[in-house]
Amino acid sequence: MGLIKFKNIGIKAISATVPKKIVKTNSLTDFFPKEQIEKFIETTGVEERRFIDKNKCASDLCYDAACQLFEKTDINRDDIDVLLFISQTPDYKTPGMSIVLQNKLGLSKTTIVYDINMSCSGFVHGLLMAYTFLQLPNINNVLVLVGDTLSKMTSLNDKSTGLLFGDGGIASLITKGEQYGESWFSMNTDGAYFDSVIIPAGGSRIMSSCETLQQTEYEDGSKRNLEQIVMNGVDVFSFAISELPKDVKRLLAFANVSIDDVDKYAFHQANKLMTEYIAKKLKANPEKLLRSIHKYGNTSGVSIPLTMVENKELIHENDTILMNAIGAGFTYGTILLNIADCQILGLNEL
């Protein structure tokens, strides 16, 4: 059981950047019947999303968010000891984008850098890595960048994903300080479901070719190619509503905290029905549930910190925040931490 407690480590600052282009869900009648769109909005809560320009990438969104963080906080670029870049839509297959961003951001050549692919659970895994690094005596500041541009990997003709995913990027500074107190993590993996959310081709198992780029129509009427994301929504929903409440309860028991003691719930914005169902199963106060899916859709690993930025007026110093996410694989995790001395910056557009 992956239960871990940390002490005197916390989030110093969060910034976010989204594309300027807004895509209204009800405008996509060329791809879906109006009645189907209305039902989708009612079920998922996705009213609009942000789509990146074709000549920009996830790293551009993260770079912009990181620049905002450096401009509006007192952290010096030379003080960054570790850079983590978390994405399932990197610019290149190689080199890793953390290497590219180290240079682009002007960070020290002694900076330790890593790329991580954990899809929708990317932020919780990024925090775990950052907190773990900060256990070391000579590591004092970790910059966590999370970005995804799933609009580039999604078919608008796909009934499971065409109306769901949006683009975004965040930067978060994780540091040391007694004001942060104790933080609790629960991390889990179940690889039996690896193909429930998958891009089948374009890697080494099925190499990119003319055939993998050929659009195919499937039994449900969806049209996509093998290099676009495929999601078994039933698998994801069933697993999430079964396992995520259990994981939250395990963590709260480990921390000796009740659900009522938590000030805010920052759950991954998978869809409205899922997050509200999980909250109801936990008997959580729905007024404490932070939301952003109506404006940005499912932004993968970006969604938790983006939701915090979107709702920054509702988050107060020393609030306890409960984070919970599930991603492809499946990977899933829950975090309980204290928001003390955390600058939640404004939202940038790129």
Protein backbone atom coordinates (compact mmCIF):
# COMPACT_ATOMS: atom_id res chain seq x y z
CA MET A 1 0.00 0.00 0.00
CA GLY A 2 1.64 3.24 -1.20
CA LEU A 3 0.93 5.45 1.81
CA ILE A 4 3.56 8.10 2.46
CA LYS A 5 3.85 11.03 4.87
CA PHE A 6 6.07 14.06 4.33
CA LYS A 7 6.86 16.93 6.68
CA ASN A 8 7.72 20.59 6.07
CA ILE A 9 7.38 20.48 2.28
CA GLY A 10 4.73 22.33 0.30
CA ILE A 11 3.55 24.26 -2.73
CA LYS A 12 5.06 27.75 -2.84
CA ALA A 13 3.37 28.96 -6.06
CA ILE A 14 1.15 27.84 -8.94
CA SER A 15 0.60 29.51 -12.32
CA ALA A 16 -1.35 28.39 -15.37
CA THR A 17 -1.54 29.13 -19.09
CA VAL A 18 -4.26 28.09 -21.54
CA PRO A 19 -4.60 28.66 -25.29
CA LYS A 20 -6.60 31.69 -26.44
CA LYS A 21 -8.78 29.65 -28.79
CA ILE A 22 -12.15 28.77 -27.22
CA VAL A 23 -14.16 25.90 -28.67
CA LYS A 24 -17.80 25.88 -27.55
CA THR A 25 -19.23 22.39 -27.21
CA ASN A 26 -22.57 23.40 -28.70
CA SER A 27 -20.80 24.70 -31.83
CA LEU A 28 -19.69 21.22 -32.93
CA THR A 29 -22.91 20.26 -34.70
CA ASP A 30 -20.93 19.33 -37.82
CA PHE A 31 -19.61 16.35 -35.86
CA PHE A 32 -22.46 15.44 -33.49
CA PRO A 33 -26.27 15.82 -33.48
CA LYS A 34 -27.55 18.71 -31.35
CA GLU A 35 -29.42 16.36 -29.00
CA GLN A 36 -26.29 14.30 -28.38
CA ILE A 37 -24.27 17.44 -27.63
CA GLU A 38 -26.87 18.69 -25.15
CA LYS A 39 -26.87 15.34 -23.35
CA PHE A 40 -23.06 15.34 -23.27
CA ILE A 41 -22.94 18.83 -21.72
CA GLU A 42 -25.51 17.83 -19.10
CA THR A 43 -23.59 14.66 -18.16
CA THR A 44 -19.98 15.85 -18.31
CA GLY A 45 -20.35 19.57 -17.66
CA VAL A 46 -18.03 20.46 -20.56
CA GLU A 47 -19.40 23.70 -22.04
CA GLU A 48 -16.19 24.88 -23.70
CA ARG A 49 -12.50 24.04 -24.04
CA ARG A 50 -9.22 25.64 -25.11
CA PHE A 51 -7.39 24.35 -28.21
CA ILE A 52 -3.74 25.08 -28.96
CA ASP A 53 -2.59 26.48 -32.32
CA LYS A 54 -1.08 23.84 -34.61
CA ASN A 55 2.38 25.45 -34.39
CA LYS A 56 2.47 25.43 -30.55
CA CYS A 57 2.96 22.60 -28.07
CA ALA A 58 2.52 21.68 -24.40
CA SER A 59 6.03 22.92 -23.65
CA ASP A 60 5.07 26.41 -24.87
CA LEU A 61 2.18 26.54 -22.40
CA CYS A 62 4.43 25.34 -19.57
CA TYR A 63 7.19 27.77 -20.52
CA ASP A 64 4.73 30.67 -20.38
CA ALA A 65 3.37 29.52 -17.01
CA ALA A 66 6.92 29.15 -15.64
CA CYS A 67 7.92 32.63 -16.84
CA GLN A 68 4.86 34.05 -15.07
CA LEU A 69 5.89 32.23 -11.90
CA PHE A 70 9.42 33.64 -12.00
CA GLU A 71 8.17 37.16 -12.75
CA LYS A 72 5.62 37.26 -9.93
CA THR A 73 7.47 35.46 -7.13
CA ASP A 74 10.81 35.99 -5.40
CA ILE A 75 12.31 32.71 -6.64
CA ASN A 76 15.51 32.99 -8.67
CA ARG A 77 16.00 30.73 -11.69
CA ASP A 78 19.43 29.74 -10.38
CA ASP A 79 17.78 28.39 -7.23
CA ILE A 80 15.87 25.63 -9.06
CA ASP A 81 17.48 22.29 -8.17
CA VAL A 82 15.11 19.94 -10.02
CA LEU A 83 12.85 20.39 -13.06
CA LEU A 84 10.07 17.88 -13.75
CA PHE A 85 8.17 18.01 -17.05
CA ILE A 86 5.01 15.90 -17.03
CA SER A 87 3.15 15.30 -20.29
CA GLN A 88 1.75 12.64 -22.58
CA THR A 89 2.04 15.02 -25.55
CA PRO A 90 5.72 16.09 -25.66
CA ASP A 91 7.14 18.07 -28.56
CA TYR A 92 9.52 15.29 -29.60
CA LYS A 93 10.04 11.59 -29.01
CA THR A 94 13.58 12.50 -28.07
CA PRO A 95 15.15 14.44 -26.42
CA GLY A 96 13.03 14.84 -23.31
CA MET A 97 11.38 18.24 -23.01
CA SER A 98 12.73 18.80 -19.49
CA ILE A 99 16.16 19.07 -21.12
CA VAL A 100 14.92 21.59 -23.69
CA LEU A 101 13.08 23.62 -21.05
CA GLN A 102 16.11 23.74 -18.73
CA ASN A 103 17.96 25.70 -21.40
CA LYS A 104 14.97 27.73 -22.59
CA LEU A 105 14.14 28.84 -19.04
CA GLY A 106 17.75 29.72 -18.30
CA LEU A 107 18.11 27.27 -15.42
CA SER A 108 21.49 26.19 -14.08
CA LYS A 109 23.35 23.40 -15.87
CA THR A 110 23.45 21.59 -12.52
CA THR A 111 19.64 21.30 -12.53
CA ILE A 112 18.38 17.71 -12.34
CA VAL A 113 15.68 17.15 -14.98
CA TYR A 114 13.14 14.40 -15.64
CA ASP A 115 10.31 13.74 -18.09
CA ILE A 116 7.29 11.85 -16.72
CA ASN A 117 4.28 10.42 -18.60
CA MET A 118 1.40 9.76 -16.21
CA SER A 119 -1.52 11.20 -18.21
CA CYS A 120 -4.39 12.48 -16.04
CA SER A 121 -2.69 11.59 -12.75
CA GLY A 122 0.41 13.53 -13.80
CA PHE A 123 0.18 16.30 -11.21
CA VAL A 124 -0.19 14.00 -8.20
CA HIS A 125 2.77 11.94 -9.44
CA GLY A 126 4.75 15.11 -10.06
CA LEU A 127 4.10 16.25 -6.50
CA LEU A 128 5.21 12.87 -5.17
CA MET A 129 8.48 13.10 -7.12
CA ALA A 130 9.03 16.69 -6.00
CA TYR A 131 8.35 15.93 -2.34
CA THR A 132 10.65 12.90 -2.52
CA PHE A 133 13.51 14.95 -3.98
CA LEU A 134 13.01 17.57 -1.26
CA GLN A 135 13.74 14.96 1.39
CA LEU A 136 17.38 15.29 0.30
CA PRO A 137 19.45 17.86 2.22
CA ASN A 138 20.85 19.70 -0.82
CA ILE A 139 17.56 19.95 -2.75
CA ASN A 140 15.55 23.06 -1.85
CA ASN A 141 13.39 23.97 -4.86
CA VAL A 142 11.63 21.78 -7.42
CA LEU A 143 9.86 23.23 -10.46
CA VAL A 144 6.98 21.02 -11.61
CA LEU A 145 5.64 21.67 -15.13
CA VAL A 146 2.56 19.83 -16.37
CA GLY A 147 1.22 20.33 -19.88
CA ASP A 148 -0.91 18.50 -22.39
CA THR A 149 -2.34 19.29 -25.82
CA LEU A 150 -4.71 16.38 -26.30
CA SER A 151 -6.64 18.30 -28.97
CA LYS A 152 -3.78 17.27 -31.28
CA MET A 153 -4.24 13.59 -30.42
CA THR A 154 -8.04 13.45 -30.48
CA SER A 155 -10.54 12.92 -33.28
CA LEU A 156 -13.50 15.29 -33.17
CA ASN A 157 -15.46 12.41 -34.69
CA ASP A 158 -14.85 10.18 -31.66
CA LYS A 159 -17.92 9.81 -29.44
CA SER A 160 -15.89 9.12 -26.27
CA THR A 161 -13.22 11.80 -26.58
CA GLY A 162 -14.20 14.28 -29.30
CA LEU A 163 -16.05 16.61 -26.94
CA LEU A 164 -14.04 15.96 -23.78
CA PHE A 165 -10.36 16.94 -23.81
CA GLY A 166 -8.84 20.42 -23.72
CA ASP A 167 -5.34 21.90 -23.62
CA GLY A 168 -3.39 23.67 -20.89
CA GLY A 169 -0.13 24.02 -18.99
CA ILE A 170 0.90 24.83 -15.42
CA ALA A 171 4.01 25.61 -13.40
CA SER A 172 4.30 24.86 -9.71
CA LEU A 173 7.14 25.57 -7.31
CA ILE A 174 7.61 23.04 -4.50
CA THR A 175 9.90 23.98 -1.61
CA LYS A 176 10.71 23.45 2.08
CA GLY A 177 9.26 25.24 5.10
CA GLU A 178 7.95 24.51 8.58
CA GLN A 179 4.72 26.34 7.72
CA TYR A 180 3.64 23.46 5.47
CA GLY A 181 3.44 20.90 8.26
CA GLU A 182 2.50 17.34 7.30
CA SER A 183 1.33 16.08 3.89
CA TRP A 184 -0.07 12.64 3.08
CA PHE A 185 0.08 10.70 -0.20
CA SER A 186 -1.55 7.49 -1.43
CA MET A 187 -0.31 6.24 -4.83
CA ASN A 188 -1.61 3.22 -6.76
CA THR A 189 -1.23 1.38 -10.08
CA ASP A 190 -3.33 -1.25 -11.86
CA GLY A 191 -1.77 -2.04 -15.23
CA ALA A 192 -4.46 -4.58 -16.10
CA TYR A 193 -6.37 -1.68 -17.67
CA PHE A 194 -3.50 -0.32 -19.78
CA ASP A 195 -5.58 -0.38 -22.97
CA SER A 196 -8.64 1.36 -21.52
CA VAL A 197 -7.10 4.73 -22.44
CA ILE A 198 -4.48 4.35 -25.14
CA ILE A 199 -2.98 5.72 -28.33
CA PRO A 200 -2.35 2.39 -30.08
CA ALA A 201 0.13 3.44 -32.78
CA GLY A 202 3.01 5.83 -33.25
CA GLY A 203 5.30 4.12 -30.74
CA SER A 204 7.68 1.20 -31.20
CA ARG A 205 5.04 -1.56 -31.01
CA ILE A 206 3.02 -0.20 -33.94
CA MET A 207 5.18 2.20 -35.90
CA SER A 208 3.68 5.26 -37.57
CA SER A 209 2.74 4.57 -41.19
CA CYS A 210 0.22 5.51 -43.86
CA GLU A 211 -2.04 2.78 -42.47
CA THR A 212 -1.96 4.09 -38.89
CA LEU A 213 -2.99 7.54 -40.14
CA GLN A 214 -5.95 6.14 -42.09
CA GLN A 215 -9.24 7.13 -40.48
CA THR A 216 -11.53 4.18 -39.68
CA GLU A 217 -15.21 4.16 -38.77
CA TYR A 218 -16.10 1.97 -35.79
CA GLU A 219 -19.31 0.22 -34.68
CA ASP A 220 -20.46 3.11 -32.50
CA GLY A 221 -20.07 5.53 -35.42
CA SER A 222 -16.80 7.03 -34.15
CA LYS A 223 -14.11 7.86 -36.68
CA ARG A 224 -10.43 8.02 -35.73
CA ASN A 225 -7.00 6.75 -36.74
CA LEU A 226 -4.64 4.57 -34.72
CA GLU A 227 -2.53 7.55 -33.67
CA GLN A 228 -5.45 9.21 -31.89
CA ILE A 229 -6.55 8.54 -28.34
CA VAL A 230 -9.01 5.71 -27.65
CA MET A 231 -10.93 5.64 -24.38
CA ASN A 232 -13.22 2.98 -22.96
CA GLY A 233 -15.39 5.35 -20.98
CA VAL A 234 -17.28 2.56 -19.22
CA ASP A 235 -14.02 1.06 -17.90
CA VAL A 236 -12.76 4.42 -16.68
CA PHE A 237 -16.00 5.42 -14.98
CA SER A 238 -16.58 2.02 -13.35
CA PHE A 239 -13.02 1.80 -12.03
CA ALA A 240 -13.00 5.40 -10.81
CA ILE A 241 -16.24 5.30 -8.84
CA SER A 242 -15.22 1.98 -7.30
CA GLU A 243 -11.56 2.60 -6.42
CA LEU A 244 -11.13 6.35 -5.92
CA PRO A 245 -13.48 6.66 -2.91
CA LYS A 246 -11.68 3.71 -1.30
CA ASP A 247 -8.33 5.40 -1.87
CA VAL A 248 -9.54 8.67 -0.35
CA LYS A 249 -10.83 6.82 2.71
CA ARG A 250 -7.49 4.98 3.11
CA LEU A 251 -5.59 8.24 2.98
CA LEU A 252 -7.88 10.06 5.41
CA ALA A 253 -7.59 7.15 7.86
CA PHE A 254 -3.79 7.27 7.47
CA ALA A 255 -3.82 11.01 8.18
CA ASN A 256 -6.41 10.63 10.96
CA VAL A 257 -8.58 13.27 9.31
CA SER A 258 -12.30 13.17 8.52
CA ILE A 259 -13.75 14.25 5.18
CA ASP A 260 -15.54 17.09 6.99
CA ASP A 261 -12.21 18.46 8.25
CA VAL A 262 -10.99 19.08 4.69
CA ASP A 263 -11.50 22.66 3.46
CA LYS A 264 -11.46 22.11 -0.33
CA TYR A 265 -11.62 19.16 -2.74
CA ALA A 266 -9.51 19.56 -5.89
CA PHE A 267 -10.39 16.43 -7.86
CA HIS A 268 -9.22 15.66 -11.39
CA GLN A 269 -11.79 17.15 -13.77
CA ALA A 270 -12.55 13.94 -15.67
CA ASN A 271 -16.22 14.80 -16.01
CA LYS A 272 -18.91 16.35 -13.82
CA LEU A 273 -20.81 13.12 -13.23
CA MET A 274 -17.71 11.26 -12.03
CA THR A 275 -16.42 13.93 -9.64
CA GLU A 276 -19.85 14.56 -8.14
CA TYR A 277 -20.50 10.83 -7.76
CA ILE A 278 -17.18 10.33 -5.95
CA ALA A 279 -17.90 13.30 -3.67
CA LYS A 280 -21.36 11.93 -2.91
CA LYS A 281 -19.95 8.47 -2.14
CA LEU A 282 -17.54 10.11 0.31
CA LYS A 283 -20.38 12.15 1.86
CA ALA A 284 -18.33 15.22 1.06
CA ASN A 285 -19.81 18.71 1.18
CA PRO A 286 -20.49 19.59 -2.50
CA GLU A 287 -19.87 23.28 -1.75
CA LYS A 288 -16.21 22.44 -1.08
CA LEU A 289 -15.75 20.82 -4.50
CA LEU A 290 -13.70 23.03 -6.83
CA ARG A 291 -14.76 22.96 -10.49
CA SER A 292 -13.30 24.03 -13.83
CA ILE A 293 -14.48 21.40 -16.31
CA HIS A 294 -17.21 23.69 -17.65
CA LYS A 295 -14.57 26.12 -18.95
CA TYR A 296 -11.64 23.89 -19.91
CA GLY A 297 -12.89 20.30 -20.27
CA ASN A 298 -10.65 17.44 -19.20
CA THR A 299 -7.12 18.88 -19.35
CA SER A 300 -5.40 15.66 -18.26
CA GLY A 301 -2.71 16.14 -15.59
CA VAL A 302 -3.16 19.92 -15.77
CA SER A 303 -6.69 19.83 -14.39
CA ILE A 304 -6.05 19.89 -10.61
CA PRO A 305 -3.69 22.91 -10.50
CA LEU A 306 -5.68 24.65 -13.26
CA THR A 307 -8.80 24.18 -11.15
CA MET A 308 -7.00 25.74 -8.19
CA VAL A 309 -6.00 28.75 -10.29
CA GLU A 310 -9.53 29.09 -11.66
CA ASN A 311 -10.94 29.03 -8.11
CA LYS A 312 -8.16 30.93 -6.33
CA GLU A 313 -10.63 33.32 -4.66
CA LEU A 314 -12.19 30.32 -2.88
CA ILE A 315 -8.88 29.01 -1.51
CA HIS A 316 -7.58 30.60 1.67
CA GLU A 317 -4.23 30.44 3.41
CA ASN A 318 -3.87 27.33 5.58
CA ASP A 319 -6.75 25.56 3.84
CA THR A 320 -6.38 21.80 3.67
CA ILE A 321 -6.74 20.57 0.09
CA LEU A 322 -7.71 17.02 -0.89
CA MET A 323 -6.47 16.09 -4.38
CA ASN A 324 -7.51 12.95 -6.22
CA ALA A 325 -6.82 11.77 -9.78
CA ILE A 326 -6.93 8.77 -12.07
CA GLY A 327 -4.98 8.40 -15.30
CA ALA A 328 -4.35 5.96 -18.12
CA GLY A 329 -2.91 2.65 -17.04
CA PHE A 330 -4.63 2.89 -14.58
CA THR A 331 -2.59 5.04 -12.22
CA TYR A 332 -4.41 6.83 -9.42
CA GLY A 333 -3.60 8.72 -6.27
CA THR A 334 -4.82 10.95 -3.46
CA ILE A 335 -3.00 13.75 -1.64
CA LEU A 336 -3.91 15.74 1.46
CA LEU A 337 -1.86 18.87 2.07
CA ASN A 338 -1.95 22.29 3.64
CA ILE A 339 -2.00 25.42 1.49
CA ALA A 340 0.22 27.74 3.51
CA ASP A 341 2.26 30.57 2.06
CA CYS A 342 1.15 29.54 -1.45
CA GLN A 343 0.85 32.13 -4.20
CA ILE A 344 -1.88 31.09 -6.63
CA LEU A 345 -1.22 33.35 -9.59
CA GLY A 346 -3.55 34.48 -12.35
CA LEU A 347 -4.36 32.70 -15.59
CA ASN A 348 -2.39 33.54 -18.75
CA GLU A 349 -3.51 33.01 -22.35
CA LEU A 350 -1.17 32.07 -25.17
